[in-house]
N, C-alpha and C. Protein backbone atom coordinates (compact mmCIF):
# COMPACT_ATOMS: atom_id res chain seq x y z
N MET A 1 20.27 -11.28 -16.42
CA MET A 1 19.64 -9.98 -16.34
C MET A 1 18.68 -9.93 -15.15
N THR A 2 18.83 -8.93 -14.31
CA THR A 2 17.97 -8.75 -13.15
C THR A 2 16.76 -7.90 -13.54
N MET A 3 15.59 -8.40 -13.19
CA MET A 3 14.36 -7.67 -13.49
C MET A 3 13.96 -6.85 -12.27
N ILE A 4 13.74 -5.58 -12.47
CA ILE A 4 13.29 -4.71 -11.38
C ILE A 4 11.76 -4.74 -11.37
N MET A 5 11.22 -5.00 -10.19
CA MET A 5 9.78 -5.00 -10.02
C MET A 5 9.37 -3.73 -9.27
N TYR A 6 8.19 -3.27 -9.54
CA TYR A 6 7.61 -2.13 -8.84
C TYR A 6 6.35 -2.63 -8.15
N TYR A 7 6.10 -2.11 -6.98
CA TYR A 7 4.99 -2.60 -6.17
C TYR A 7 4.03 -1.48 -5.81
N THR A 8 2.76 -1.76 -5.98
CA THR A 8 1.70 -0.91 -5.48
C THR A 8 1.26 -1.58 -4.19
N TYR A 9 1.18 -0.80 -3.12
CA TYR A 9 0.92 -1.43 -1.81
C TYR A 9 -0.14 -0.67 -1.03
N VAL A 10 -0.73 -1.40 -0.10
CA VAL A 10 -1.72 -0.81 0.80
C VAL A 10 -1.28 -1.11 2.23
N LEU A 11 -1.16 -0.05 3.01
CA LEU A 11 -0.85 -0.17 4.42
C LEU A 11 -2.11 0.15 5.21
N GLN A 12 -2.25 -0.48 6.36
CA GLN A 12 -3.36 -0.14 7.24
C GLN A 12 -2.79 0.32 8.57
N SER A 13 -3.29 1.44 9.03
CA SER A 13 -2.87 1.99 10.31
C SER A 13 -3.51 1.18 11.43
N LYS A 14 -2.70 0.77 12.37
CA LYS A 14 -3.24 0.07 13.55
C LYS A 14 -3.81 1.08 14.54
N LYS A 15 -3.55 2.34 14.31
CA LYS A 15 -4.04 3.42 15.18
C LYS A 15 -5.47 3.83 14.81
N ASP A 16 -5.72 4.04 13.50
CA ASP A 16 -7.04 4.49 13.08
C ASP A 16 -7.71 3.58 12.04
N ASN A 17 -7.06 2.47 11.69
CA ASN A 17 -7.57 1.47 10.73
C ASN A 17 -7.71 1.98 9.30
N LYS A 18 -7.25 3.19 9.02
CA LYS A 18 -7.35 3.73 7.66
C LYS A 18 -6.21 3.22 6.79
N PHE A 19 -6.43 3.30 5.47
CA PHE A 19 -5.46 2.81 4.49
C PHE A 19 -4.53 3.92 4.02
N TYR A 20 -3.35 3.52 3.62
CA TYR A 20 -2.42 4.37 2.89
C TYR A 20 -2.01 3.59 1.66
N ILE A 21 -2.10 4.19 0.49
CA ILE A 21 -1.79 3.52 -0.78
C ILE A 21 -0.60 4.21 -1.41
N GLY A 22 0.38 3.43 -1.86
CA GLY A 22 1.56 3.99 -2.50
C GLY A 22 2.20 3.01 -3.45
N PHE A 23 3.37 3.39 -3.99
CA PHE A 23 4.12 2.47 -4.83
C PHE A 23 5.60 2.64 -4.53
N THR A 24 6.37 1.58 -4.83
CA THR A 24 7.80 1.58 -4.57
C THR A 24 8.46 0.47 -5.37
N LYS A 25 9.79 0.50 -5.44
CA LYS A 25 10.49 -0.64 -6.03
C LYS A 25 11.20 -1.47 -4.96
N ASP A 26 11.12 -1.05 -3.70
CA ASP A 26 11.69 -1.81 -2.59
C ASP A 26 10.66 -1.85 -1.46
N LEU A 27 9.81 -2.83 -1.50
CA LEU A 27 8.66 -2.90 -0.60
C LEU A 27 9.08 -3.04 0.87
N LYS A 28 10.02 -3.91 1.14
CA LYS A 28 10.46 -4.13 2.52
C LYS A 28 11.04 -2.85 3.12
N ASN A 29 11.90 -2.19 2.38
CA ASN A 29 12.51 -0.94 2.84
C ASN A 29 11.47 0.16 3.00
N ARG A 30 10.53 0.24 2.09
CA ARG A 30 9.51 1.29 2.15
C ARG A 30 8.62 1.11 3.38
N LEU A 31 8.26 -0.13 3.71
CA LEU A 31 7.46 -0.38 4.90
C LEU A 31 8.22 0.05 6.16
N ALA A 32 9.51 -0.27 6.21
CA ALA A 32 10.33 0.14 7.34
C ALA A 32 10.41 1.66 7.43
N PHE A 33 10.51 2.31 6.28
CA PHE A 33 10.57 3.77 6.22
C PHE A 33 9.28 4.38 6.78
N HIS A 34 8.13 3.82 6.39
CA HIS A 34 6.85 4.29 6.92
C HIS A 34 6.80 4.11 8.43
N ASN A 35 7.16 2.93 8.90
CA ASN A 35 7.04 2.64 10.33
C ASN A 35 8.08 3.34 11.19
N SER A 36 9.11 3.88 10.58
CA SER A 36 10.11 4.64 11.34
C SER A 36 9.69 6.10 11.53
N GLY A 37 8.59 6.50 10.88
CA GLY A 37 8.10 7.86 11.01
C GLY A 37 8.70 8.84 10.01
N LYS A 38 9.42 8.34 9.03
CA LYS A 38 10.10 9.20 8.05
C LYS A 38 9.21 9.62 6.87
N VAL A 39 7.99 9.12 6.83
CA VAL A 39 7.04 9.52 5.78
C VAL A 39 5.99 10.40 6.45
N ARG A 40 5.97 11.67 6.08
CA ARG A 40 5.10 12.64 6.74
C ARG A 40 3.63 12.22 6.72
N ALA A 41 3.17 11.65 5.61
CA ALA A 41 1.76 11.29 5.47
C ALA A 41 1.32 10.21 6.45
N THR A 42 2.25 9.38 6.92
CA THR A 42 1.87 8.28 7.81
C THR A 42 2.51 8.35 9.18
N ALA A 43 3.33 9.34 9.44
CA ALA A 43 4.08 9.40 10.70
C ALA A 43 3.17 9.37 11.93
N GLY A 44 2.05 10.05 11.87
CA GLY A 44 1.14 10.09 13.01
C GLY A 44 0.17 8.93 13.06
N ARG A 45 0.26 8.03 12.12
CA ARG A 45 -0.69 6.91 12.05
C ARG A 45 -0.02 5.56 12.31
N ARG A 46 1.21 5.60 12.82
CA ARG A 46 1.95 4.38 13.09
C ARG A 46 1.39 3.67 14.32
N PRO A 47 1.56 2.35 14.40
CA PRO A 47 2.23 1.47 13.46
C PRO A 47 1.33 1.12 12.28
N LEU A 48 1.99 0.73 11.19
CA LEU A 48 1.29 0.38 9.95
C LEU A 48 1.63 -1.07 9.59
N SER A 49 0.67 -1.74 9.01
CA SER A 49 0.95 -3.09 8.54
C SER A 49 0.62 -3.19 7.06
N LEU A 50 1.41 -3.97 6.36
CA LEU A 50 1.18 -4.22 4.94
C LEU A 50 0.04 -5.21 4.81
N ILE A 51 -1.03 -4.81 4.15
CA ILE A 51 -2.17 -5.72 4.03
C ILE A 51 -2.43 -6.17 2.59
N TYR A 52 -1.76 -5.52 1.61
CA TYR A 52 -2.00 -5.89 0.22
C TYR A 52 -0.89 -5.29 -0.63
N TYR A 53 -0.48 -6.03 -1.66
CA TYR A 53 0.43 -5.46 -2.66
C TYR A 53 0.26 -6.16 -3.99
N GLU A 54 0.64 -5.47 -5.04
CA GLU A 54 0.65 -6.01 -6.40
C GLU A 54 2.00 -5.70 -7.01
N ALA A 55 2.54 -6.62 -7.78
CA ALA A 55 3.82 -6.41 -8.45
C ALA A 55 3.57 -6.02 -9.91
N CYS A 56 4.35 -5.05 -10.38
CA CYS A 56 4.26 -4.59 -11.76
C CYS A 56 5.65 -4.63 -12.39
N LEU A 57 5.68 -4.78 -13.69
CA LEU A 57 6.96 -4.88 -14.40
C LEU A 57 7.59 -3.53 -14.69
N ASN A 58 6.81 -2.45 -14.59
CA ASN A 58 7.41 -1.13 -14.81
C ASN A 58 6.73 -0.09 -13.91
N GLU A 59 7.43 1.00 -13.72
CA GLU A 59 6.98 2.05 -12.82
C GLU A 59 5.66 2.67 -13.26
N ALA A 60 5.50 2.87 -14.55
CA ALA A 60 4.28 3.51 -15.06
C ALA A 60 3.04 2.70 -14.69
N ASP A 61 3.13 1.39 -14.80
CA ASP A 61 1.99 0.54 -14.44
C ASP A 61 1.70 0.60 -12.94
N ALA A 62 2.75 0.65 -12.12
CA ALA A 62 2.56 0.74 -10.67
C ALA A 62 1.90 2.06 -10.29
N VAL A 63 2.32 3.14 -10.90
CA VAL A 63 1.74 4.46 -10.63
C VAL A 63 0.28 4.49 -11.07
N LYS A 64 0.01 3.92 -12.23
CA LYS A 64 -1.36 3.87 -12.74
C LYS A 64 -2.27 3.08 -11.79
N ARG A 65 -1.74 1.97 -11.29
CA ARG A 65 -2.51 1.14 -10.37
C ARG A 65 -2.74 1.87 -9.04
N GLU A 66 -1.71 2.57 -8.56
CA GLU A 66 -1.84 3.35 -7.33
C GLU A 66 -2.96 4.39 -7.48
N LYS A 67 -2.96 5.10 -8.59
CA LYS A 67 -3.99 6.12 -8.82
C LYS A 67 -5.38 5.51 -8.88
N TYR A 68 -5.49 4.33 -9.50
CA TYR A 68 -6.78 3.64 -9.57
C TYR A 68 -7.26 3.25 -8.17
N LEU A 69 -6.37 2.67 -7.37
CA LEU A 69 -6.77 2.21 -6.05
C LEU A 69 -7.20 3.36 -5.14
N LYS A 70 -6.79 4.57 -5.46
CA LYS A 70 -7.18 5.74 -4.68
C LYS A 70 -8.53 6.31 -5.09
N THR A 71 -9.11 5.79 -6.17
CA THR A 71 -10.44 6.24 -6.62
C THR A 71 -11.52 5.50 -5.84
N GLY A 72 -12.73 5.93 -6.01
CA GLY A 72 -13.86 5.23 -5.39
C GLY A 72 -13.97 3.80 -5.87
N TYR A 73 -13.77 3.59 -7.19
CA TYR A 73 -13.83 2.24 -7.74
C TYR A 73 -12.71 1.38 -7.17
N GLY A 74 -11.53 1.97 -7.04
CA GLY A 74 -10.39 1.24 -6.51
C GLY A 74 -10.58 0.87 -5.05
N ARG A 75 -11.13 1.78 -4.28
CA ARG A 75 -11.39 1.48 -2.87
C ARG A 75 -12.45 0.39 -2.74
N ARG A 76 -13.42 0.39 -3.62
CA ARG A 76 -14.43 -0.68 -3.62
C ARG A 76 -13.78 -2.01 -3.97
N TYR A 77 -12.87 -2.00 -4.96
CA TYR A 77 -12.12 -3.21 -5.32
C TYR A 77 -11.36 -3.74 -4.09
N LEU A 78 -10.66 -2.85 -3.39
CA LEU A 78 -9.90 -3.27 -2.21
C LEU A 78 -10.82 -3.81 -1.12
N SER A 79 -11.95 -3.16 -0.93
CA SER A 79 -12.90 -3.62 0.07
C SER A 79 -13.37 -5.04 -0.24
N ASN A 80 -13.67 -5.31 -1.50
CA ASN A 80 -14.09 -6.65 -1.91
C ASN A 80 -12.94 -7.64 -1.81
N ARG A 81 -11.77 -7.24 -2.26
CA ARG A 81 -10.59 -8.11 -2.28
C ARG A 81 -10.13 -8.47 -0.87
N LEU A 82 -10.27 -7.53 0.06
CA LEU A 82 -9.78 -7.71 1.41
C LEU A 82 -10.90 -7.96 2.42
N SER A 83 -12.05 -8.38 1.94
CA SER A 83 -13.22 -8.49 2.81
C SER A 83 -12.97 -9.39 4.03
N SER A 84 -12.29 -10.50 3.86
CA SER A 84 -12.00 -11.38 5.00
C SER A 84 -11.10 -10.70 6.01
N HIS A 85 -10.08 -10.04 5.53
CA HIS A 85 -9.15 -9.32 6.42
C HIS A 85 -9.87 -8.20 7.17
N LEU A 86 -10.71 -7.47 6.46
CA LEU A 86 -11.39 -6.33 7.08
C LEU A 86 -12.39 -6.79 8.14
N LEU A 87 -12.98 -7.97 7.95
CA LEU A 87 -13.90 -8.52 8.95
C LEU A 87 -13.16 -8.92 10.22
N ASP A 88 -11.90 -9.38 10.05
CA ASP A 88 -11.10 -9.81 11.20
C ASP A 88 -10.53 -8.64 11.97
N SER A 89 -10.42 -7.47 11.33
CA SER A 89 -9.77 -6.30 11.96
C SER A 89 -10.63 -5.68 13.02
């Protein structure tokens, strides 16, 4: 039996250093989709790099996590979690 994983991910724009938060079940393909300019929300902010992701066992959990990371508390969590990366950027 193949288990499908869902991913909540954070991309960082190399153009403006801002984050984009989303979820998908195919992380590699989704990153390529973003960087090809096919996602309206990030087309003008390319190139983007994947700086963080979490794997979830179902879509509902991934969506819930995405919504959390978009809150003030979630952004603070990311800032703390990625503090070394953000200092290097």
